[in-house]
C-alpha atoms as a PDB file:
ATOM      1  CA  MET A   1     -21.371 -17.535   4.272  1.00  0.00           C
ATOM      2  CA  GLU A   2     -18.655 -19.086   6.381  1.00  0.00           C
ATOM      3  CA  ALA A   3     -17.165 -16.945   9.123  1.00  0.00           C
ATOM      4  CA  ARG A   4     -13.945 -18.169  10.675  1.00  0.00           C
ATOM      5  CA  SER A   5     -14.144 -15.613  13.473  1.00  0.00           C
ATOM      6  CA  ALA A   6     -16.770 -13.498  15.176  1.00  0.00           C
ATOM      7  CA  ARG A   7     -15.075 -10.381  13.763  1.00  0.00           C
ATOM      8  CA  ALA A   8     -15.500 -11.730  10.222  1.00  0.00           C
ATOM      9  CA  PHE A   9     -19.153 -12.511  10.967  1.00  0.00           C
ATOM     10  CA  TYR A  10     -19.816  -9.104  12.525  1.00  0.00           C
ATOM     11  CA  GLY A  11     -18.147  -7.380   9.605  1.00  0.00           C
ATOM     12  CA  ALA A  12     -20.249  -9.152   6.974  1.00  0.00           C
ATOM     13  CA  PRO A  13     -22.503  -6.852   4.970  1.00  0.00           C
ATOM     14  CA  CYS A  14     -26.018  -6.439   6.340  1.00  0.00           C
ATOM     15  CA  ARG A  15     -27.613  -7.790   3.174  1.00  0.00           C
ATOM     16  CA  ASP A  16     -25.827 -11.122   3.671  1.00  0.00           C
ATOM     17  CA  ARG A  17     -27.009 -11.381   7.282  1.00  0.00           C
ATOM     18  CA  ALA A  18     -30.537 -10.429   6.274  1.00  0.00           C
ATOM     19  CA  ALA A  19     -30.527 -13.063   3.523  1.00  0.00           C
ATOM     20  CA  LEU A  20     -29.314 -15.689   5.992  1.00  0.00           C
ATOM     21  CA  GLU A  21     -31.881 -14.673   8.588  1.00  0.00           C
ATOM     22  CA  GLY A  22     -34.578 -14.955   5.922  1.00  0.00           C
ATOM     23  CA  LYS A  23     -33.544 -18.568   5.417  1.00  0.00           C
ATOM     24  CA  GLY A  24     -33.761 -19.233   9.150  1.00  0.00           C
ATOM     25  CA  VAL A  25     -30.012 -19.227   9.760  1.00  0.00           C
ATOM     26  CA  GLY A  26     -28.850 -17.885  13.111  1.00  0.00           C
ATOM     27  CA  PHE A  27     -25.559 -17.425  14.915  1.00  0.00           C
ATOM     28  CA  ARG A  28     -24.888 -19.099  18.232  1.00  0.00           C
ATOM     29  CA  SER A  29     -21.597 -18.590  20.067  1.00  0.00           C
ATOM     30  CA  LEU A  30     -20.857 -21.257  22.597  1.00  0.00           C
ATOM     31  CA  THR A  31     -18.323 -19.189  24.556  1.00  0.00           C
ATOM     32  CA  GLU A  32     -19.945 -15.731  24.601  1.00  0.00           C
ATOM     33  CA  GLY A  33     -23.561 -16.789  25.016  1.00  0.00           C
ATOM     34  CA  VAL A  34     -24.735 -14.955  21.893  1.00  0.00           C
ATOM     35  CA  ASP A  35     -27.676 -16.458  20.025  1.00  0.00           C
ATOM     36  CA  THR A  36     -29.104 -14.344  17.192  1.00  0.00           C
ATOM     37  CA  THR A  37     -32.271 -16.413  17.057  1.00  0.00           C
ATOM     38  CA  THR A  38     -33.460 -14.576  20.209  1.00  0.00           C
ATOM     39  CA  PRO A  39     -34.113 -10.835  20.596  1.00  0.00           C
ATOM     40  CA  GLY A  40     -31.536 -10.556  23.412  1.00  0.00           C
ATOM     41  CA  GLY A  41     -28.920 -12.343  21.371  1.00  0.00           C
ATOM     42  CA  THR A  42     -29.582 -10.075  18.396  1.00  0.00           C
ATOM     43  CA  LEU A  43     -29.122  -7.045  20.670  1.00  0.00           C
ATOM     44  CA  VAL A  44     -25.791  -8.363  21.976  1.00  0.00           C
ATOM     45  CA  PHE A  45     -24.724  -9.206  18.418  1.00  0.00           C
ATOM     46  CA  HIS A  46     -25.438  -5.643  17.246  1.00  0.00           C
ATOM     47  CA  LEU A  47     -23.732  -4.161  20.305  1.00  0.00           C
ATOM     48  CA  PHE A  48     -20.589  -6.191  19.579  1.00  0.00           C
ATOM     49  CA  GLY A  49     -20.714  -5.032  15.963  1.00  0.00           C
ATOM     50  CA  ALA A  50     -21.139  -1.391  17.013  1.00  0.00           C
ATOM     51  CA  LEU A  51     -18.245  -1.662  19.495  1.00  0.00           C
ATOM     52  CA  ALA A  52     -16.026  -3.244  16.841  1.00  0.00           C
ATOM     53  CA  GLN A  53     -16.856  -0.427  14.409  1.00  0.00           C
ATOM     54  CA  PHE A  54     -16.217   2.179  17.128  1.00  0.00           C
ATOM     55  CA  GLU A  55     -12.824   0.620  17.883  1.00  0.00           C
ATOM     56  CA  ARG A  56     -11.866   0.593  14.184  1.00  0.00           C
ATOM     57  CA  ASP A  57     -12.871   4.259  13.872  1.00  0.00           C
ATOM     58  CA  LEU A  58     -10.797   5.194  16.942  1.00  0.00           C
ATOM     59  CA  ILE A  59      -7.759   3.389  15.565  1.00  0.00           C
ATOM     60  CA  ARG A  60      -8.167   5.135  12.207  1.00  0.00           C
ATOM     61  CA  GLU A  61      -8.556   8.538  13.924  1.00  0.00           C
ATOM     62  CA  ARG A  62      -5.516   8.036  16.169  1.00  0.00           C
ATOM     63  CA  THR A  63      -3.403   6.839  13.265  1.00  0.00           C
ATOM     64  CA  ARG A  64      -4.337   9.879  11.189  1.00  0.00           C
ATOM     65  CA  ALA A  65      -3.585  12.205  14.146  1.00  0.00           C
ATOM     66  CA  GLY A  66      -0.207  10.534  14.699  1.00  0.00           C
ATOM     67  CA  LEU A  67       0.739  10.883  11.036  1.00  0.00           C
ATOM     68  CA  LEU A  68      -0.261  14.555  11.009  1.00  0.00           C
ATOM     69  CA  ALA A  69       1.700  15.232  14.213  1.00  0.00           C
ATOM     70  CA  ALA A  70       4.778  13.505  12.758  1.00  0.00           C
ATOM     71  CA  GLU A  71       4.435  15.523   9.559  1.00  0.00           C
ATOM     72  CA  ALA A  72       4.193  18.737  11.598  1.00  0.00           C
ATOM     73  CA  ARG A  73       7.489  17.780  13.301  1.00  0.00           C
ATOM     74  CA  GLY A  74       9.066  17.326   9.887  1.00  0.00           C
ATOM     75  CA  ARG A  75       9.059  13.540   9.940  1.00  0.00           C
ATOM     76  CA  LYS A  76       8.187  11.580   6.853  1.00  0.00           C
ATOM     77  CA  GLY A  77       7.149   7.956   6.972  1.00  0.00           C
ATOM     78  CA  GLY A  78       8.375   5.183   4.762  1.00  0.00           C
ATOM     79  CA  ARG A  79      11.682   3.797   3.725  1.00  0.00           C
ATOM     80  CA  LYS A  80      14.617   6.082   2.996  1.00  0.00           C
ATOM     81  CA  PRO A  81      15.390   6.479  -0.710  1.00  0.00           C
ATOM     82  CA  VAL A  82      18.012   4.006  -1.907  1.00  0.00           C
ATOM     83  CA  ILE A  83      19.278   6.231  -4.704  1.00  0.00           C
ATOM     84  CA  SER A  84      20.580   9.694  -3.874  1.00  0.00           C
ATOM     85  CA  ALA A  85      20.512  12.581  -6.352  1.00  0.00           C
ATOM     86  CA  ASP A  86      24.253  12.061  -6.925  1.00  0.00           C
ATOM     87  CA  LYS A  87      23.826   8.358  -7.714  1.00  0.00           C
ATOM     88  CA  LEU A  88      20.899   9.154 -10.008  1.00  0.00           C
ATOM     89  CA  ALA A  89      22.969  11.728 -11.923  1.00  0.00           C
ATOM     90  CA  ARG A  90      25.846   9.241 -12.252  1.00  0.00           C
ATOM     91  CA  ALA A  91      23.430   6.535 -13.443  1.00  0.00           C
ATOM     92  CA  GLN A  92      21.946   8.867 -16.043  1.00  0.00           C
ATOM     93  CA  ALA A  93      25.438   9.747 -17.265  1.00  0.00           C
ATOM     94  CA  LEU A  94      26.281   6.047 -17.593  1.00  0.00           C
ATOM     95  CA  ILE A  95      23.076   5.368 -19.508  1.00  0.00           C
ATOM     96  CA  VAL A  96      23.653   8.301 -21.841  1.00  0.00           C
ATOM     97  CA  ALA A  97      27.168   6.945 -22.415  1.00  0.00           C
ATOM     98  CA  GLY A  98      25.641   3.714 -23.718  1.00  0.00           C
ATOM     99  CA  LEU A  99      25.243   1.394 -20.749  1.00  0.00           C
ATOM    100  CA  THR A 100      21.987  -0.404 -20.074  1.00  0.00           C
ATOM    101  CA  VAL A 101      20.036   0.304 -16.914  1.00  0.00           C
ATOM    102  CA  ARG A 102      21.082  -3.087 -15.561  1.00  0.00           C
ATOM    103  CA  GLU A 103      24.776  -2.326 -16.162  1.00  0.00           C
ATOM    104  CA  ALA A 104      24.502   1.165 -14.668  1.00  0.00           C
ATOM    105  CA  ALA A 105      22.736  -0.231 -11.606  1.00  0.00           C
ATOM    106  CA  ALA A 106      25.424  -2.889 -11.166  1.00  0.00           C
ATOM    107  CA  ARG A 107      28.204  -0.282 -11.327  1.00  0.00           C
ATOM    108  CA  LEU A 108      26.479   1.854  -8.700  1.00  0.00           C
ATOM    109  CA  LYS A 109      25.635  -1.179  -6.547  1.00  0.00           C
ATOM    110  CA  VAL A 110      21.871  -0.538  -6.576  1.00  0.00           C
ATOM    111  CA  GLY A 111      19.039  -2.654  -7.895  1.00  0.00           C
ATOM    112  CA  LYS A 112      17.768  -2.030 -11.395  1.00  0.00           C
ATOM    113  CA  THR A 113      14.212  -1.807 -10.083  1.00  0.00           C
ATOM    114  CA  ALA A 114      15.223   0.933  -7.643  1.00  0.00           C
ATOM    115  CA  LEU A 115      17.000   2.756 -10.460  1.00  0.00           C
ATOM    116  CA  TYR A 116      13.928   2.565 -12.699  1.00  0.00           C
ATOM    117  CA  ALA A 117      11.775   3.885  -9.844  1.00  0.00           C
ATOM    118  CA  ALA A 118      14.151   6.802  -9.227  1.00  0.00           C
ATOM    119  CA  MET A 119      14.455   7.785 -12.890  1.00  0.00           C
ATOM    120  CA  PRO A 120      12.157  10.411 -14.352  1.00  0.00           C
ATOM    121  CA  SER A 121       9.442   9.251 -16.732  1.00  0.00           C
ATOM    122  CA  ALA A 122      10.585   7.849 -20.076  1.00  0.00           C
ATOM    123  CA  THR A 123       9.368  10.881 -22.020  1.00  0.00           C
ATOM    124  CA  ALA A 124      10.978  13.576 -19.852  1.00  0.00           C
ATOM    125  CA  PRO A 125      14.227  14.986 -21.217  1.00  0.00           C
ATOM    126  CA  VAL A 126      17.136  14.440 -18.859  1.00  0.00           C
ATOM    127  CA  THR A 127      20.074  16.827 -18.526  1.00  0.00           C
ATOM    128  CA  VAL A 128      23.328  15.208 -17.470  1.00  0.00           C
ATOM    129  CA  GLU A 129      26.457  17.226 -16.794  1.00  0.00           C
ATOM    130  CA  HIS A 130      29.677  15.794 -18.204  1.00  0.00           C
ATOM    131  CA  PRO A 131      33.065  17.371 -17.571  1.00  0.00           C
ATOM    132  CA  SER A 132      33.129  18.879 -21.061  1.00  0.00           C
ATOM    133  CA  GLN A 133      29.523  19.247 -22.087  1.00  0.00           C
ATOM    134  CA  VAL A 134      25.864  19.039 -21.163  1.00  0.00           C
ATOM    135  CA  VAL A 135      24.098  16.181 -22.829  1.00  0.00           C
ATOM    136  CA  LYS A 136      20.346  16.101 -23.286  1.00  0.00           C
ATOM    137  CA  ALA A 137      18.940  12.662 -23.852  1.00  0.00           C
ATOM    138  CA  ARG A 138      15.746  10.759 -23.547  1.00  0.00           C
ATOM    139  CA  LEU A 139      16.018   7.672 -21.418  1.00  0.00           C
ATOM    140  CA  SER A 140      14.284   4.718 -22.931  1.00  0.00           C
ATOM    141  CA  ARG A 141      12.815   2.201 -20.576  1.00  0.00           C
ATOM    142  CA  ARG A 142      12.532  -1.392 -21.680  1.00  0.00           C
ATOM    143  CA  PRO A 143       8.990  -2.743 -21.663  1.00  0.00           C
ATOM    144  CA  HIS A 144       8.136  -4.894 -18.686  1.00  0.00           C
ATOM    145  CA  ASN A 145       7.231  -8.400 -19.804  1.00  0.00           C
ATOM    146  CA  GLY A 146       5.777  -9.489 -16.465  1.00  0.00           C
ATOM    147  CA  PRO A 147       2.180  -9.289 -15.256  1.00  0.00           C
ATOM    148  CA  ASP A 148       0.471  -5.922 -15.308  1.00  0.00           C
ATOM    149  CA  ARG A 149       0.593  -4.459 -11.792  1.00  0.00           C
ATOM    150  CA  GLY A 150      -1.525  -1.433 -12.697  1.00  0.00           C
END
């Protein structure tokens, strides 16, 4: 096991440390005075590990509390949606009229990926209001030929 930092070494699973200790491998820090080959050094090593875990838990707890407080104030995290309901309806109308998703996205000045993300699933029927009629259509999504990002 190669640790580039003390944090990486402290965070290593216990079974790895135990296996290394069984082979006579120890950890000696030249700047902090920690030497795991001695009982005192092992104590300091475990204390540092416990403090690091405590700090991570505090950060996680404070982050969760901050997100809950923001949600209670009505704030929602993340990026604002690129495509409004109006743009989505216009895009669906263009697609029903025969344009491809790429062409519809270009006309509305949005990315095709954002348009795909905003569209309902491929199997859901979509209702689009035209000036003279209501058209029900199923949007077909082209298969993605890139790597599976599942």
